[in-house]
């Protein structure tokens, strides 16, 4: 029997670990690394944007860069016009899709027979819910790979990300202060992870109860 609470519990643990390490100065914060990248890639703004989105879209590692891609959009393209927004959207979707492929491949690498037996069927609703946050999509793609679902889910997510990132960029430009506050607040992400963990623990308890009742 597999436990649905393993992923959210590990995600919450990694988020707390990154928060403590950066708070006590043991490791540099994501904003400092962003500044270093800006100096290193100041002549390659598109490459900088790709790397930041890719880093944030990777499972667990994304917790180290909360909301940094919003900052990149604002710093690299101050006051972008519609043509700039389209180009930024393409770069962000390409980076996010690359991250999804990596997460999916990692899931397949760590796949076990028990996961294949208990894997759920693909539901578009679950994908749309996962796309509400980059970190949620990372864990969703990892689970898809672990359960050996079709790789087509990656390309579907990429297509759905096109309007998502376009609206995200437009909203970031128009509401930069409000968006940055929410995106860079780890407490907001922690609330989502705790809610996910509570739901997963309940599902595990219900599954265990069914098994014990059947026995």
N, C-alpha and C. Protein backbone atom coordinates (compact mmCIF):
# COMPACT_ATOMS: atom_id res chain seq x y z
N UNK A 1 0.84 -1.21 0.00
CA UNK A 1 0.00 0.00 0.00
C UNK A 1 0.87 1.25 0.00
N UNK A 2 0.56 2.21 -0.86
CA UNK A 2 1.29 3.47 -0.89
C UNK A 2 0.50 4.53 -0.14
N UNK A 3 1.21 5.57 0.29
CA UNK A 3 0.58 6.62 1.08
C UNK A 3 0.61 7.94 0.33
N UNK A 4 -0.56 8.54 0.15
CA UNK A 4 -0.69 9.80 -0.57
C UNK A 4 -0.07 10.95 0.20
N UNK A 5 0.14 10.78 1.49
CA UNK A 5 0.66 11.86 2.32
C UNK A 5 2.18 12.00 2.25
N UNK A 6 2.85 11.07 1.60
CA UNK A 6 4.32 11.12 1.55
C UNK A 6 4.81 12.35 0.81
N UNK A 7 4.25 12.63 -0.37
CA UNK A 7 4.70 13.78 -1.16
C UNK A 7 4.44 15.11 -0.45
N UNK A 8 3.20 15.38 0.02
CA UNK A 8 3.00 16.67 0.71
C UNK A 8 3.82 16.81 1.98
N UNK A 9 4.02 15.71 2.71
CA UNK A 9 4.83 15.77 3.93
C UNK A 9 6.28 16.10 3.59
N UNK A 10 6.81 15.47 2.56
CA UNK A 10 8.19 15.75 2.16
C UNK A 10 8.32 17.17 1.61
N UNK A 11 7.28 17.63 0.89
CA UNK A 11 7.30 18.99 0.35
C UNK A 11 7.32 20.02 1.47
N UNK A 12 6.49 19.81 2.48
CA UNK A 12 6.45 20.73 3.61
C UNK A 12 7.77 20.73 4.37
N UNK A 13 8.37 19.55 4.50
CA UNK A 13 9.66 19.43 5.19
C UNK A 13 10.75 20.20 4.44
N UNK A 14 10.77 20.07 3.11
CA UNK A 14 11.78 20.76 2.31
C UNK A 14 11.57 22.28 2.36
N UNK A 15 10.31 22.71 2.31
CA UNK A 15 10.02 24.14 2.40
C UNK A 15 10.51 24.72 3.72
N UNK A 16 10.23 24.03 4.82
CA UNK A 16 10.69 24.48 6.14
C UNK A 16 12.21 24.50 6.19
N UNK A 17 12.85 23.49 5.62
CA UNK A 17 14.31 23.41 5.63
C UNK A 17 14.92 24.58 4.87
N UNK A 18 14.41 24.85 3.65
CA UNK A 18 14.93 25.97 2.86
C UNK A 18 14.71 27.29 3.58
N UNK A 19 13.54 27.45 4.21
CA UNK A 19 13.23 28.69 4.92
C UNK A 19 14.19 28.92 6.08
N UNK A 20 14.46 27.86 6.84
CA UNK A 20 15.38 27.97 7.98
C UNK A 20 16.81 28.23 7.52
N UNK A 21 17.24 27.53 6.49
CA UNK A 21 18.61 27.69 6.00
C UNK A 21 18.86 29.10 5.48
N UNK A 22 17.89 29.66 4.77
CA UNK A 22 18.06 31.01 4.25
C UNK A 22 17.88 32.06 5.35
N UNK A 23 16.97 31.79 6.30
CA UNK A 23 16.72 32.75 7.38
C UNK A 23 17.96 32.93 8.26
N UNK A 24 18.69 31.84 8.52
CA UNK A 24 19.88 31.90 9.37
C UNK A 24 21.16 32.14 8.58
N UNK A 25 21.02 32.39 7.27
CA UNK A 25 22.18 32.72 6.46
C UNK A 25 23.11 31.56 6.18
N UNK A 26 22.63 30.34 6.39
CA UNK A 26 23.48 29.17 6.13
C UNK A 26 23.68 28.99 4.63
N UNK A 27 22.63 29.25 3.87
CA UNK A 27 22.73 29.25 2.41
C UNK A 27 22.17 30.58 1.92
N UNK A 28 22.67 31.10 0.79
CA UNK A 28 22.16 32.38 0.28
C UNK A 28 20.72 32.24 -0.19
N UNK A 29 19.96 33.31 -0.05
CA UNK A 29 18.58 33.28 -0.50
C UNK A 29 18.46 33.25 -2.00
N UNK A 30 17.29 32.89 -2.48
CA UNK A 30 17.08 32.85 -3.92
C UNK A 30 17.25 34.20 -4.58
N UNK A 31 16.95 35.30 -3.84
CA UNK A 31 17.10 36.63 -4.41
C UNK A 31 18.57 36.97 -4.65
N UNK A 32 19.47 36.48 -3.80
CA UNK A 32 20.90 36.73 -3.99
C UNK A 32 21.42 35.97 -5.22
N UNK A 33 20.96 34.74 -5.37
CA UNK A 33 21.36 33.98 -6.56
C UNK A 33 20.83 34.63 -7.82
N UNK A 34 19.63 35.20 -7.72
CA UNK A 34 19.06 35.90 -8.87
C UNK A 34 19.93 37.09 -9.26
N UNK A 35 20.41 37.84 -8.26
CA UNK A 35 21.30 38.97 -8.55
C UNK A 35 22.58 38.51 -9.23
N UNK A 36 23.13 37.39 -8.78
CA UNK A 36 24.34 36.86 -9.40
C UNK A 36 24.08 36.45 -10.85
N UNK A 37 22.93 35.83 -11.07
CA UNK A 37 22.57 35.43 -12.43
C UNK A 37 22.38 36.65 -13.32
N UNK A 38 21.80 37.71 -12.77
CA UNK A 38 21.58 38.93 -13.55
C UNK A 38 22.90 39.51 -14.02
N UNK A 39 23.91 39.50 -13.14
CA UNK A 39 25.22 40.03 -13.52
C UNK A 39 25.91 39.11 -14.53
N UNK A 40 25.72 37.81 -14.36
CA UNK A 40 26.37 36.85 -15.26
C UNK A 40 25.71 36.82 -16.63
N UNK A 41 24.39 37.03 -16.65
CA UNK A 41 23.64 36.93 -17.91
C UNK A 41 22.96 38.24 -18.27
N UNK A 42 23.62 39.36 -17.95
CA UNK A 42 22.99 40.66 -18.20
C UNK A 42 22.79 40.92 -19.69
N UNK A 43 23.58 40.28 -20.53
CA UNK A 43 23.42 40.43 -21.98
C UNK A 43 22.51 39.34 -22.56
N UNK A 44 22.00 38.46 -21.71
CA UNK A 44 21.12 37.38 -22.17
C UNK A 44 19.87 37.33 -21.28
N UNK A 45 19.03 38.35 -21.36
CA UNK A 45 17.84 38.39 -20.49
C UNK A 45 16.88 37.23 -20.71
N UNK A 46 16.75 36.80 -21.96
CA UNK A 46 15.85 35.68 -22.24
C UNK A 46 16.39 34.39 -21.63
N UNK A 47 17.70 34.22 -21.69
CA UNK A 47 18.31 33.04 -21.08
C UNK A 47 18.16 33.06 -19.58
N UNK A 48 18.25 34.25 -18.98
CA UNK A 48 18.06 34.39 -17.54
C UNK A 48 16.65 34.00 -17.15
N UNK A 49 15.68 34.48 -17.90
CA UNK A 49 14.28 34.16 -17.61
C UNK A 49 14.05 32.65 -17.72
N UNK A 50 14.61 32.02 -18.76
CA UNK A 50 14.45 30.58 -18.94
C UNK A 50 15.01 29.81 -17.75
N UNK A 51 16.20 30.18 -17.29
CA UNK A 51 16.83 29.46 -16.18
C UNK A 51 16.05 29.60 -14.88
N UNK A 52 15.51 30.80 -14.61
CA UNK A 52 14.76 31.01 -13.39
C UNK A 52 13.46 30.22 -13.40
N UNK A 53 12.76 30.26 -14.52
CA UNK A 53 11.50 29.50 -14.62
C UNK A 53 11.77 28.01 -14.50
N UNK A 54 12.83 27.54 -15.16
CA UNK A 54 13.19 26.13 -15.08
C UNK A 54 13.51 25.72 -13.66
N UNK A 55 14.29 26.54 -12.95
CA UNK A 55 14.66 26.22 -11.57
C UNK A 55 13.43 26.17 -10.68
N UNK A 56 12.50 27.10 -10.88
CA UNK A 56 11.33 27.14 -10.02
C UNK A 56 10.35 26.01 -10.33
N UNK A 57 10.42 25.47 -11.55
CA UNK A 57 9.48 24.43 -11.95
C UNK A 57 9.94 23.02 -11.55
N UNK A 58 11.15 22.90 -11.02
CA UNK A 58 11.66 21.58 -10.64
C UNK A 58 11.19 21.19 -9.25
N UNK A 59 10.87 19.93 -9.10
CA UNK A 59 10.33 19.43 -7.83
C UNK A 59 11.33 19.67 -6.70
N UNK A 60 10.83 20.15 -5.57
CA UNK A 60 11.59 20.52 -4.37
C UNK A 60 12.46 21.77 -4.58
N UNK A 61 13.24 21.81 -5.64
CA UNK A 61 14.12 22.96 -5.87
C UNK A 61 13.31 24.25 -6.01
N UNK A 62 12.09 24.13 -6.53
CA UNK A 62 11.26 25.31 -6.71
C UNK A 62 10.95 26.05 -5.44
N UNK A 63 11.01 25.37 -4.30
CA UNK A 63 10.77 26.05 -3.01
C UNK A 63 11.86 27.07 -2.69
N UNK A 64 13.01 26.90 -3.31
CA UNK A 64 14.13 27.81 -3.06
C UNK A 64 13.97 29.14 -3.81
N UNK A 65 13.10 29.15 -4.82
CA UNK A 65 12.90 30.35 -5.63
C UNK A 65 11.44 30.80 -5.60
N UNK A 66 10.86 31.06 -4.44
CA UNK A 66 9.46 31.46 -4.39
C UNK A 66 9.22 32.83 -5.00
N UNK A 67 8.44 32.86 -6.08
CA UNK A 67 8.06 34.12 -6.69
C UNK A 67 9.16 34.83 -7.46
N UNK A 68 10.31 34.19 -7.68
CA UNK A 68 11.40 34.90 -8.32
C UNK A 68 11.13 35.20 -9.79
N UNK A 69 10.31 34.38 -10.43
CA UNK A 69 10.11 34.63 -11.85
C UNK A 69 9.30 35.91 -12.05
N UNK A 70 8.49 36.31 -11.06
CA UNK A 70 7.81 37.59 -11.17
C UNK A 70 8.84 38.72 -11.20
N UNK A 71 9.84 38.61 -10.32
CA UNK A 71 10.89 39.63 -10.27
C UNK A 71 11.64 39.70 -11.59
N UNK A 72 11.90 38.54 -12.18
CA UNK A 72 12.63 38.52 -13.45
C UNK A 72 11.84 39.24 -14.54
N UNK A 73 10.55 38.99 -14.58
CA UNK A 73 9.72 39.66 -15.58
C UNK A 73 9.80 41.17 -15.43
N UNK A 74 9.73 41.64 -14.19
CA UNK A 74 9.74 43.07 -13.94
C UNK A 74 11.11 43.69 -14.19
N UNK A 75 12.18 42.96 -13.84
CA UNK A 75 13.53 43.51 -13.98
C UNK A 75 14.01 43.45 -15.43
N UNK A 76 13.78 42.31 -16.08
CA UNK A 76 14.29 42.12 -17.43
C UNK A 76 13.51 42.93 -18.45
N UNK A 77 12.21 42.99 -18.29
CA UNK A 77 11.38 43.68 -19.28
C UNK A 77 10.52 44.72 -18.59
N UNK A 78 11.10 45.83 -18.19
CA UNK A 78 10.34 46.90 -17.53
C UNK A 78 9.38 47.51 -18.54
N UNK A 79 8.10 47.48 -18.20
CA UNK A 79 7.07 48.04 -19.07
C UNK A 79 7.00 47.35 -20.42
N UNK A 80 6.86 46.03 -20.48
CA UNK A 80 6.83 45.33 -21.77
C UNK A 80 5.56 45.64 -22.57
N UNK A 81 5.69 45.70 -23.90
CA UNK A 81 4.50 45.85 -24.73
C UNK A 81 3.95 44.46 -25.05
N UNK A 82 2.90 44.39 -25.88
CA UNK A 82 2.24 43.12 -26.13
C UNK A 82 3.18 42.13 -26.82
N UNK A 83 4.03 42.63 -27.73
CA UNK A 83 4.97 41.74 -28.40
C UNK A 83 5.97 41.14 -27.43
N UNK A 84 6.43 41.94 -26.48
CA UNK A 84 7.34 41.44 -25.45
C UNK A 84 6.65 40.39 -24.59
N UNK A 85 5.38 40.62 -24.27
CA UNK A 85 4.63 39.67 -23.46
C UNK A 85 4.51 38.32 -24.16
N UNK A 86 4.29 38.35 -25.47
CA UNK A 86 4.19 37.10 -26.22
C UNK A 86 5.51 36.34 -26.19
N UNK A 87 6.62 37.07 -26.37
CA UNK A 87 7.92 36.42 -26.34
C UNK A 87 8.22 35.86 -24.96
N UNK A 88 7.92 36.62 -23.91
CA UNK A 88 8.13 36.15 -22.55
C UNK A 88 7.29 34.91 -22.26
N UNK A 89 6.06 34.92 -22.77
CA UNK A 89 5.17 33.78 -22.57
C UNK A 89 5.76 32.52 -23.18
N UNK A 90 6.27 32.64 -24.40
CA UNK A 90 6.87 31.48 -25.08
C UNK A 90 8.06 30.94 -24.30
N UNK A 91 8.92 31.85 -23.81
CA UNK A 91 10.10 31.44 -23.05
C UNK A 91 9.69 30.73 -21.76
N UNK A 92 8.70 31.30 -21.06
CA UNK A 92 8.28 30.74 -19.79
C UNK A 92 7.62 29.37 -19.98
N UNK A 93 6.81 29.24 -21.03
CA UNK A 93 6.16 27.95 -21.30
C UNK A 93 7.20 26.90 -21.68
N UNK A 94 8.19 27.29 -22.49
CA UNK A 94 9.26 26.36 -22.87
C UNK A 94 10.03 25.89 -21.65
N UNK A 95 10.34 26.81 -20.74
CA UNK A 95 11.07 26.45 -19.53
C UNK A 95 10.22 25.57 -18.61
N UNK A 96 8.95 25.93 -18.44
CA UNK A 96 8.05 25.14 -17.58
C UNK A 96 7.84 23.75 -18.15
N UNK A 97 7.74 23.64 -19.48
CA UNK A 97 7.55 22.33 -20.11
C UNK A 97 8.80 21.48 -19.94
N UNK A 98 9.97 22.10 -20.04
CA UNK A 98 11.22 21.38 -19.80
C UNK A 98 11.27 20.87 -18.37
N UNK A 99 10.85 21.71 -17.43
CA UNK A 99 10.79 21.29 -16.03
C UNK A 99 9.82 20.15 -15.82
N UNK A 100 8.67 20.20 -16.49
CA UNK A 100 7.69 19.12 -16.38
C UNK A 100 8.26 17.81 -16.90
N UNK A 101 9.01 17.89 -17.99
CA UNK A 101 9.62 16.67 -18.55
C UNK A 101 10.63 16.08 -17.57
N UNK A 102 11.42 16.93 -16.92
CA UNK A 102 12.40 16.45 -15.94
C UNK A 102 11.69 15.81 -14.75
N UNK A 103 10.64 16.47 -14.24
CA UNK A 103 9.88 15.93 -13.11
C UNK A 103 9.23 14.60 -13.46
N UNK A 104 8.65 14.54 -14.65
CA UNK A 104 8.03 13.30 -15.12
C UNK A 104 9.05 12.17 -15.21
N UNK A 105 10.22 12.49 -15.75
CA UNK A 105 11.29 11.49 -15.90
C UNK A 105 11.78 11.01 -14.54
N UNK A 106 11.89 11.92 -13.57
CA UNK A 106 12.29 11.53 -12.22
C UNK A 106 11.24 10.61 -11.60
N UNK A 107 9.98 10.90 -11.85
CA UNK A 107 8.91 10.04 -11.35
C UNK A 107 9.00 8.64 -11.91
N UNK A 108 9.26 8.52 -13.20
CA UNK A 108 9.41 7.20 -13.82
C UNK A 108 10.63 6.48 -13.25
N UNK A 109 11.68 7.25 -12.96
CA UNK A 109 12.90 6.64 -12.43
C UNK A 109 12.65 6.00 -11.07
N UNK A 110 11.80 6.63 -10.25
CA UNK A 110 11.53 6.13 -8.91
C UNK A 110 10.19 5.37 -8.83
N UNK A 111 9.68 4.99 -9.97
CA UNK A 111 8.40 4.26 -10.01
C UNK A 111 8.54 2.88 -9.38
N UNK A 112 7.44 2.45 -8.72
CA UNK A 112 7.40 1.12 -8.11
C UNK A 112 6.13 0.40 -8.56
N UNK A 113 6.15 -0.94 -8.57
CA UNK A 113 4.95 -1.70 -8.99
C UNK A 113 3.69 -1.32 -8.21
N UNK A 114 3.82 -1.00 -6.92
CA UNK A 114 2.65 -0.66 -6.12
C UNK A 114 2.00 0.62 -6.61
N UNK A 115 2.84 1.55 -7.12
CA UNK A 115 2.29 2.80 -7.64
C UNK A 115 1.52 2.56 -8.92
N UNK A 116 2.01 1.62 -9.73
CA UNK A 116 1.32 1.31 -10.97
C UNK A 116 -0.03 0.66 -10.68
N UNK A 117 -0.08 -0.15 -9.66
CA UNK A 117 -1.32 -0.85 -9.33
C UNK A 117 -2.37 0.10 -8.79
N UNK A 118 -1.92 1.13 -8.03
CA UNK A 118 -2.86 2.04 -7.40
C UNK A 118 -2.99 3.37 -8.12
N UNK A 119 -2.33 3.48 -9.30
CA UNK A 119 -2.36 4.75 -10.01
C UNK A 119 -3.76 5.13 -10.47
N UNK A 120 -4.10 6.39 -10.32
CA UNK A 120 -5.40 6.87 -10.74
C UNK A 120 -5.41 7.16 -12.23
N UNK A 121 -6.60 7.11 -12.83
CA UNK A 121 -6.73 7.46 -14.23
C UNK A 121 -6.53 8.95 -14.40
N UNK A 122 -6.08 9.33 -15.61
CA UNK A 122 -5.86 10.75 -15.88
C UNK A 122 -7.19 11.50 -15.86
N UNK A 123 -7.19 12.64 -15.16
CA UNK A 123 -8.35 13.52 -15.13
C UNK A 123 -7.88 14.94 -15.41
N UNK A 124 -8.51 15.57 -16.39
CA UNK A 124 -8.14 16.94 -16.75
C UNK A 124 -8.32 17.87 -15.57
N UNK A 125 -9.32 17.62 -14.74
CA UNK A 125 -9.57 18.47 -13.57
C UNK A 125 -8.36 18.50 -12.65
N UNK A 126 -7.73 17.35 -12.45
CA UNK A 126 -6.56 17.30 -11.57
C UNK A 126 -5.40 18.10 -12.14
N UNK A 127 -5.23 18.02 -13.46
CA UNK A 127 -4.16 18.78 -14.11
C UNK A 127 -4.41 20.29 -13.96
N UNK A 128 -5.64 20.71 -14.17
CA UNK A 128 -5.96 22.13 -14.06
C UNK A 128 -5.74 22.64 -12.64
N UNK A 129 -6.09 21.83 -11.66
CA UNK A 129 -5.86 22.22 -10.26
C UNK A 129 -4.36 22.33 -9.97
N UNK A 130 -3.58 21.38 -10.51
CA UNK A 130 -2.13 21.40 -10.28
C UNK A 130 -1.48 22.63 -10.91
N UNK A 131 -2.07 23.12 -11.99
CA UNK A 131 -1.48 24.25 -12.70
C UNK A 131 -1.72 25.58 -12.00
N UNK A 132 -2.44 25.57 -10.90
CA UNK A 132 -2.65 26.81 -10.15
C UNK A 132 -1.36 27.32 -9.52
N UNK A 133 -0.40 26.43 -9.31
CA UNK A 133 0.89 26.84 -8.75
C UNK A 133 2.00 26.00 -9.36
N UNK A 134 3.13 26.63 -9.63
CA UNK A 134 4.26 25.94 -10.27
C UNK A 134 4.72 24.73 -9.47
N UNK A 135 4.81 24.87 -8.16
CA UNK A 135 5.26 23.75 -7.33
C UNK A 135 4.26 22.60 -7.34
N UNK A 136 2.97 22.92 -7.38
CA UNK A 136 1.95 21.88 -7.44
C UNK A 136 2.06 21.10 -8.74
N UNK A 137 2.33 21.81 -9.84
CA UNK A 137 2.49 21.14 -11.14
C UNK A 137 3.71 20.23 -11.13
N UNK A 138 4.77 20.65 -10.43
CA UNK A 138 5.98 19.83 -10.35
C UNK A 138 5.69 18.49 -9.70
N UNK A 139 4.97 18.50 -8.58
CA UNK A 139 4.64 17.26 -7.89
C UNK A 139 3.64 16.43 -8.69
N UNK A 140 2.75 17.10 -9.39
CA UNK A 140 1.77 16.39 -10.23
C UNK A 140 2.50 15.62 -11.33
N UNK A 141 3.46 16.28 -11.99
CA UNK A 141 4.19 15.62 -13.07
C UNK A 141 5.05 14.47 -12.54
N UNK A 142 5.60 14.65 -11.36
CA UNK A 142 6.37 13.56 -10.74
C UNK A 142 5.47 12.35 -10.51
N UNK A 143 4.26 12.60 -10.00
CA UNK A 143 3.32 11.51 -9.75
C UNK A 143 2.87 10.84 -11.05
N UNK A 144 2.70 11.66 -12.11
CA UNK A 144 2.31 11.10 -13.40
C UNK A 144 3.39 10.15 -13.93
N UNK A 145 4.64 10.54 -13.76
CA UNK A 145 5.74 9.67 -14.19
C UNK A 145 5.84 8.43 -13.34
N UNK A 146 5.65 8.58 -12.01
CA UNK A 146 5.74 7.43 -11.11
C UNK A 146 4.66 6.40 -11.41
N UNK A 147 3.50 6.88 -11.86
CA UNK A 147 2.38 5.98 -12.18
C UNK A 147 2.38 5.57 -13.65
N UNK A 148 3.44 5.97 -14.38
CA UNK A 148 3.63 5.59 -15.79
C UNK A 148 2.46 6.00 -16.68
N UNK A 149 1.92 7.20 -16.43
CA UNK A 149 0.89 7.73 -17.32
C UNK A 149 1.53 8.19 -18.62
N UNK A 150 0.71 8.48 -19.62
CA UNK A 150 1.21 8.90 -20.93
C UNK A 150 1.99 10.19 -20.82
N UNK A 151 3.09 10.27 -21.57
CA UNK A 151 3.92 11.47 -21.57
C UNK A 151 3.20 12.64 -22.22
N UNK A 152 2.09 12.34 -22.89
CA UNK A 152 1.31 13.40 -23.53
C UNK A 152 0.80 14.44 -22.57
N UNK A 153 0.71 14.11 -21.28
CA UNK A 153 0.24 15.07 -20.28
C UNK A 153 1.18 16.27 -20.20
N UNK A 154 2.45 16.07 -20.52
CA UNK A 154 3.42 17.17 -20.50
C UNK A 154 3.09 18.20 -21.58
N UNK A 155 2.81 17.70 -22.79
CA UNK A 155 2.50 18.60 -23.90
C UNK A 155 1.15 19.28 -23.68
N UNK A 156 0.22 18.57 -23.09
CA UNK A 156 -1.08 19.18 -22.78
C UNK A 156 -0.91 20.32 -21.79
N UNK A 157 -0.10 20.09 -20.76
CA UNK A 157 0.16 21.15 -19.78
C UNK A 157 0.84 22.34 -20.44
N UNK A 158 1.74 22.07 -21.39
CA UNK A 158 2.41 23.15 -22.10
C UNK A 158 1.44 24.02 -22.86
N UNK A 159 0.48 23.39 -23.56
CA UNK A 159 -0.53 24.15 -24.30
C UNK A 159 -1.40 24.97 -23.36
N UNK A 160 -1.79 24.36 -22.25
CA UNK A 160 -2.63 25.08 -21.29
C UNK A 160 -1.87 26.21 -20.60
N UNK A 161 -0.55 26.09 -20.56
CA UNK A 161 0.27 27.12 -19.94
C UNK A 161 0.38 28.39 -20.77
N UNK A 162 0.10 28.29 -22.08
CA UNK A 162 0.23 29.46 -22.95
C UNK A 162 -0.67 30.61 -22.48
N UNK A 163 -1.99 30.41 -22.38
CA UNK A 163 -2.82 31.53 -21.88
C UNK A 163 -2.55 31.84 -20.42
N UNK A 164 -2.18 30.82 -19.65
CA UNK A 164 -1.92 31.02 -18.21
C UNK A 164 -0.78 32.00 -17.99
N UNK A 165 0.35 31.76 -18.66
CA UNK A 165 1.51 32.64 -18.46
C UNK A 165 1.30 34.01 -19.09
N UNK A 166 0.55 34.07 -20.19
CA UNK A 166 0.27 35.37 -20.79
C UNK A 166 -0.52 36.25 -19.83
N UNK A 167 -1.55 35.66 -19.21
CA UNK A 167 -2.33 36.40 -18.23
C UNK A 167 -1.50 36.71 -16.99
N UNK A 168 -0.61 35.79 -16.63
CA UNK A 168 0.25 35.98 -15.46
C UNK A 168 1.18 37.17 -15.66
N UNK A 169 1.78 37.27 -16.83
CA UNK A 169 2.68 38.38 -17.12
C UNK A 169 1.91 39.70 -17.12
N UNK A 170 0.75 39.70 -17.77
CA UNK A 170 -0.05 40.92 -17.81
C UNK A 170 -0.47 41.34 -16.40
N UNK A 171 -0.88 40.38 -15.60
CA UNK A 171 -1.27 40.69 -14.23
C UNK A 171 -0.11 41.17 -13.40
N UNK A 172 1.08 40.60 -13.65
CA UNK A 172 2.27 41.01 -12.91
C UNK A 172 2.64 42.46 -13.23
N UNK A 173 2.54 42.82 -14.51
CA UNK A 173 2.86 44.19 -14.91
C UNK A 173 1.87 45.18 -14.32
N UNK A 174 0.59 44.80 -14.30
CA UNK A 174 -0.44 45.72 -13.82
C UNK A 174 -0.51 45.78 -12.30
N UNK A 175 -0.25 44.62 -11.64
CA UNK A 175 -0.40 44.55 -10.18
C UNK A 175 0.89 44.05 -9.54
N UNK A 176 1.99 44.65 -9.90
CA UNK A 176 3.29 44.13 -9.49
C UNK A 176 3.45 44.03 -7.99
N UNK A 177 3.08 45.07 -7.25
CA UNK A 177 3.28 45.06 -5.80
C UNK A 177 2.47 43.97 -5.12
N UNK A 178 1.19 43.87 -5.49
CA UNK A 178 0.33 42.88 -4.86
C UNK A 178 0.77 41.46 -5.20
N UNK A 179 1.11 41.23 -6.48
CA UNK A 179 1.52 39.90 -6.92
C UNK A 179 2.83 39.49 -6.26
N UNK A 180 3.80 40.42 -6.19
CA UNK A 180 5.09 40.11 -5.58
C UNK A 180 4.93 39.76 -4.11
N UNK A 181 4.02 40.45 -3.40
CA UNK A 181 3.84 40.18 -1.98
C UNK A 181 3.34 38.75 -1.76
N UNK A 182 2.35 38.36 -2.55
CA UNK A 182 1.79 37.01 -2.41
C UNK A 182 2.79 35.96 -2.85
N UNK A 183 3.47 36.22 -3.98
CA UNK A 183 4.38 35.22 -4.54
C UNK A 183 5.59 34.98 -3.67
N UNK A 184 6.09 36.02 -2.97
CA UNK A 184 7.32 35.89 -2.21
C UNK A 184 7.06 35.61 -0.72
N UNK A 185 5.83 35.33 -0.35
CA UNK A 185 5.52 35.03 1.03
C UNK A 185 5.46 33.52 1.22
N UNK A 186 6.45 32.92 1.89
CA UNK A 186 6.46 31.47 2.06
C UNK A 186 5.29 30.96 2.87
N UNK A 187 4.70 31.83 3.72
CA UNK A 187 3.56 31.39 4.51
C UNK A 187 2.37 31.01 3.64
N UNK A 188 2.23 31.72 2.51
CA UNK A 188 1.13 31.41 1.59
C UNK A 188 1.29 30.00 1.04
N UNK A 189 2.50 29.67 0.61
CA UNK A 189 2.77 28.34 0.09
C UNK A 189 2.64 27.29 1.18
N UNK A 190 3.06 27.62 2.38
CA UNK A 190 2.96 26.68 3.50
C UNK A 190 1.50 26.34 3.79
N UNK A 191 0.61 27.31 3.69
CA UNK A 191 -0.82 27.06 3.92
C UNK A 191 -1.35 26.05 2.92
N UNK A 192 -0.97 26.22 1.64
CA UNK A 192 -1.40 25.27 0.61
C UNK A 192 -0.86 23.87 0.87
N UNK A 193 0.40 23.79 1.29
CA UNK A 193 1.01 22.48 1.55
C UNK A 193 0.36 21.79 2.76
N UNK A 194 0.05 22.56 3.80
CA UNK A 194 -0.61 21.98 4.97
C UNK A 194 -1.99 21.47 4.59
N UNK A 195 -2.72 22.25 3.78
CA UNK A 195 -4.04 21.81 3.33
C UNK A 195 -3.94 20.52 2.51
N UNK A 196 -2.94 20.46 1.63
CA UNK A 196 -2.72 19.26 0.82
C UNK A 196 -2.40 18.06 1.72
N UNK A 197 -1.56 18.28 2.74
CA UNK A 197 -1.18 17.21 3.65
C UNK A 197 -2.39 16.70 4.43
N UNK A 198 -3.23 17.61 4.90
CA UNK A 198 -4.42 17.21 5.66
C UNK A 198 -5.34 16.34 4.80
N UNK A 199 -5.56 16.77 3.57
CA UNK A 199 -6.41 15.98 2.66
C UNK A 199 -5.79 14.62 2.39
N UNK A 200 -4.47 14.59 2.16
CA UNK A 200 -3.79 13.32 1.87
C UNK A 200 -3.83 12.37 3.06
N UNK A 201 -3.65 12.90 4.26
CA UNK A 201 -3.72 12.06 5.46
C UNK A 201 -5.13 11.47 5.61
N UNK A 202 -6.14 12.27 5.33
CA UNK A 202 -7.51 11.76 5.40
C UNK A 202 -7.73 10.64 4.38
N UNK A 203 -7.21 10.81 3.16
CA UNK A 203 -7.36 9.78 2.13
C UNK A 203 -6.62 8.51 2.52
N UNK A 204 -5.44 8.66 3.12
CA UNK A 204 -4.70 7.49 3.60
C UNK A 204 -5.47 6.77 4.70
N UNK A 205 -6.02 7.55 5.62
CA UNK A 205 -6.80 6.96 6.71
C UNK A 205 -8.02 6.21 6.16
N UNK A 206 -8.69 6.79 5.19
CA UNK A 206 -9.86 6.14 4.63
C UNK A 206 -9.49 4.86 3.90
N UNK A 207 -8.36 4.89 3.18
CA UNK A 207 -7.91 3.69 2.47
C UNK A 207 -7.53 2.59 3.46
N UNK A 208 -6.83 2.97 4.53
CA UNK A 208 -6.45 1.99 5.55
C UNK A 208 -7.68 1.42 6.26
N UNK A 209 -8.67 2.26 6.47
CA UNK A 209 -9.91 1.80 7.12
C UNK A 209 -10.64 0.79 6.25
N UNK A 210 -10.65 1.03 4.94
CA UNK A 210 -11.29 0.10 4.01
C UNK A 210 -10.58 -1.25 4.01
N UNK A 211 -9.23 -1.21 4.06
CA UNK A 211 -8.45 -2.45 4.06
C UNK A 211 -8.71 -3.24 5.33
N UNK A 212 -8.72 -2.54 6.47
CA UNK A 212 -8.96 -3.23 7.74
C UNK A 212 -10.38 -3.78 7.83
N UNK A 213 -11.34 -3.07 7.25
CA UNK A 213 -12.73 -3.53 7.26
C UNK A 213 -12.90 -4.77 6.39
N UNK A 214 -12.18 -4.77 5.26
CA UNK A 214 -12.26 -5.91 4.35
C UNK A 214 -11.63 -7.15 4.96
N UNK A 215 -10.58 -6.94 5.79
CA UNK A 215 -9.92 -8.07 6.44
C UNK A 215 -10.79 -8.62 7.55
